[in-house]
Amino acid sequence: MDSLPDRTPHAVLAERVLASLPARDREILIRYYLNLQPACALVEEFGVSPEEFRTIRANARGLFRALRAQMSCLKDFAGSRRSLSA
């Protein structure tokens, strides 16, 4: 996945989440969130059930939240280390 120069932290996390997913799930999510294609069209085209579509979205959101929490912990840890060395 090509990276853009001035990415926000959320964009970096989204990129990492997308890169970790199977190709089909990645394509579904890109087309749903970025290309704004309707869920019903994607369900039909990819041959997934509405429940499976919701699961794909939920799993990606869960990964995003977990990475965001991990990044926040690392940022807090780095900040506390700097204050200790001052």
C-alpha atoms as a PDB file:
ATOM      1  CA  MET A   1       0.000   0.000   0.000  1.00  0.00           C
ATOM      2  CA  ASP A   2       1.548   3.317  -1.031  1.00  0.00           C
ATOM      3  CA  SER A   3       1.819   5.910   1.693  1.00  0.00           C
ATOM      4  CA  LEU A   4       1.028   9.572   1.269  1.00  0.00           C
ATOM      5  CA  PRO A   5       3.455  12.123   2.740  1.00  0.00           C
ATOM      6  CA  ASP A   6       1.224  14.092   5.140  1.00  0.00           C
ATOM      7  CA  ARG A   7      -0.865  11.372   6.724  1.00  0.00           C
ATOM      8  CA  THR A   8      -2.803  11.875   9.930  1.00  0.00           C
ATOM      9  CA  PRO A   9      -2.315   9.347  12.740  1.00  0.00           C
ATOM     10  CA  HIS A  10      -5.759   7.913  11.979  1.00  0.00           C
ATOM     11  CA  ALA A  11      -4.814   7.482   8.320  1.00  0.00           C
ATOM     12  CA  VAL A  12      -1.662   5.618   9.336  1.00  0.00           C
ATOM     13  CA  LEU A  13      -3.702   3.313  11.586  1.00  0.00           C
ATOM     14  CA  ALA A  14      -6.316   2.741   8.899  1.00  0.00           C
ATOM     15  CA  GLU A  15      -3.535   1.861   6.458  1.00  0.00           C
ATOM     16  CA  ARG A  16      -2.105  -0.679   8.918  1.00  0.00           C
ATOM     17  CA  VAL A  17      -5.522  -2.224   9.538  1.00  0.00           C
ATOM     18  CA  LEU A  18      -6.271  -2.507   5.819  1.00  0.00           C
ATOM     19  CA  ALA A  19      -2.845  -4.018   5.120  1.00  0.00           C
ATOM     20  CA  SER A  20      -3.452  -6.717   7.742  1.00  0.00           C
ATOM     21  CA  LEU A  21      -6.754  -7.875   6.216  1.00  0.00           C
ATOM     22  CA  PRO A  22      -7.392 -10.471   3.537  1.00  0.00           C
ATOM     23  CA  ALA A  23      -7.611  -8.941   0.047  1.00  0.00           C
ATOM     24  CA  ARG A  24     -11.372  -9.461  -0.256  1.00  0.00           C
ATOM     25  CA  ASP A  25     -12.122  -7.779   3.077  1.00  0.00           C
ATOM     26  CA  ARG A  26      -9.735  -4.912   2.255  1.00  0.00           C
ATOM     27  CA  GLU A  27     -11.451  -4.371  -1.112  1.00  0.00           C
ATOM     28  CA  ILE A  28     -14.918  -4.429   0.469  1.00  0.00           C
ATOM     29  CA  LEU A  29     -13.929  -1.867   3.108  1.00  0.00           C
ATOM     30  CA  ILE A  30     -12.179   0.466   0.657  1.00  0.00           C
ATOM     31  CA  ARG A  31     -15.135   0.417  -1.669  1.00  0.00           C
ATOM     32  CA  TYR A  32     -17.618   0.917   1.199  1.00  0.00           C
ATOM     33  CA  TYR A  33     -15.818   3.648   3.170  1.00  0.00           C
ATOM     34  CA  LEU A  34     -13.733   5.434   0.547  1.00  0.00           C
ATOM     35  CA  ASN A  35     -15.711   4.897  -2.659  1.00  0.00           C
ATOM     36  CA  LEU A  36     -19.040   5.118  -0.792  1.00  0.00           C
ATOM     37  CA  GLN A  37     -20.528   2.129  -2.569  1.00  0.00           C
ATOM     38  CA  PRO A  38     -23.754   0.845  -0.977  1.00  0.00           C
ATOM     39  CA  ALA A  39     -23.520  -2.194   1.271  1.00  0.00           C
ATOM     40  CA  CYS A  40     -26.240  -4.031  -0.656  1.00  0.00           C
ATOM     41  CA  ALA A  41     -24.233  -3.774  -3.902  1.00  0.00           C
ATOM     42  CA  LEU A  42     -21.055  -5.054  -2.216  1.00  0.00           C
ATOM     43  CA  VAL A  43     -22.889  -7.923  -0.530  1.00  0.00           C
ATOM     44  CA  GLU A  44     -24.258  -9.026  -3.875  1.00  0.00           C
ATOM     45  CA  GLU A  45     -21.028  -8.554  -5.851  1.00  0.00           C
ATOM     46  CA  PHE A  46     -18.763 -10.318  -3.339  1.00  0.00           C
ATOM     47  CA  GLY A  47     -21.287 -13.024  -2.462  1.00  0.00           C
ATOM     48  CA  VAL A  48     -21.235 -12.358   1.277  1.00  0.00           C
ATOM     49  CA  SER A  49     -24.240 -12.326   3.546  1.00  0.00           C
ATOM     50  CA  PRO A  50     -25.316  -9.094   5.252  1.00  0.00           C
ATOM     51  CA  GLU A  51     -24.153 -10.631   8.547  1.00  0.00           C
ATOM     52  CA  GLU A  52     -20.724 -11.411   7.093  1.00  0.00           C
ATOM     53  CA  PHE A  53     -20.493  -7.850   5.758  1.00  0.00           C
ATOM     54  CA  ARG A  54     -21.237  -6.497   9.239  1.00  0.00           C
ATOM     55  CA  THR A  55     -18.629  -8.859  10.708  1.00  0.00           C
ATOM     56  CA  ILE A  56     -15.982  -7.638   8.252  1.00  0.00           C
ATOM     57  CA  ARG A  57     -16.720  -4.043   9.275  1.00  0.00           C
ATOM     58  CA  ALA A  58     -16.808  -4.874  12.991  1.00  0.00           C
ATOM     59  CA  ASN A  59     -13.501  -6.751  12.837  1.00  0.00           C
ATOM     60  CA  ALA A  60     -11.809  -3.844  11.062  1.00  0.00           C
ATOM     61  CA  ARG A  61     -13.192  -1.347  13.595  1.00  0.00           C
ATOM     62  CA  GLY A  62     -11.961  -3.583  16.427  1.00  0.00           C
ATOM     63  CA  LEU A  63      -8.461  -3.746  14.927  1.00  0.00           C
ATOM     64  CA  PHE A  64      -8.460   0.018  14.454  1.00  0.00           C
ATOM     65  CA  ARG A  65      -9.479   0.599  18.089  1.00  0.00           C
ATOM     66  CA  ALA A  66      -6.853  -1.852  19.361  1.00  0.00           C
ATOM     67  CA  LEU A  67      -4.089  -0.192  17.332  1.00  0.00           C
ATOM     68  CA  ARG A  68      -5.244   3.258  18.439  1.00  0.00           C
ATOM     69  CA  ALA A  69      -5.145   2.181  22.093  1.00  0.00           C
ATOM     70  CA  GLN A  70      -1.717   0.626  21.596  1.00  0.00           C
ATOM     71  CA  MET A  71      -0.405   3.829  19.982  1.00  0.00           C
ATOM     72  CA  SER A  72      -1.881   5.889  22.813  1.00  0.00           C
ATOM     73  CA  CYS A  73      -0.162   3.709  25.424  1.00  0.00           C
ATOM     74  CA  LEU A  74       3.155   4.012  23.610  1.00  0.00           C
ATOM     75  CA  LYS A  75       2.751   7.787  23.391  1.00  0.00           C
ATOM     76  CA  ASP A  76       1.925   7.985  27.121  1.00  0.00           C
ATOM     77  CA  PHE A  77       4.903   5.773  27.945  1.00  0.00           C
ATOM     78  CA  ALA A  78       7.274   7.897  25.873  1.00  0.00           C
ATOM     79  CA  GLY A  79       5.971  11.048  27.529  1.00  0.00           C
ATOM     80  CA  SER A  80       6.428   9.635  31.017  1.00  0.00           C
ATOM     81  CA  ARG A  81       9.990   8.547  30.200  1.00  0.00           C
ATOM     82  CA  ARG A  82      10.851  12.053  29.004  1.00  0.00           C
ATOM     83  CA  SER A  83       9.521  13.613  32.200  1.00  0.00           C
ATOM     84  CA  LEU A  84      11.580  11.177  34.308  1.00  0.00           C
ATOM     85  CA  SER A  85      14.811  12.037  32.511  1.00  0.00           C
ATOM     86  CA  ALA A  86      14.295  15.798  32.832  1.00  0.00           C
END
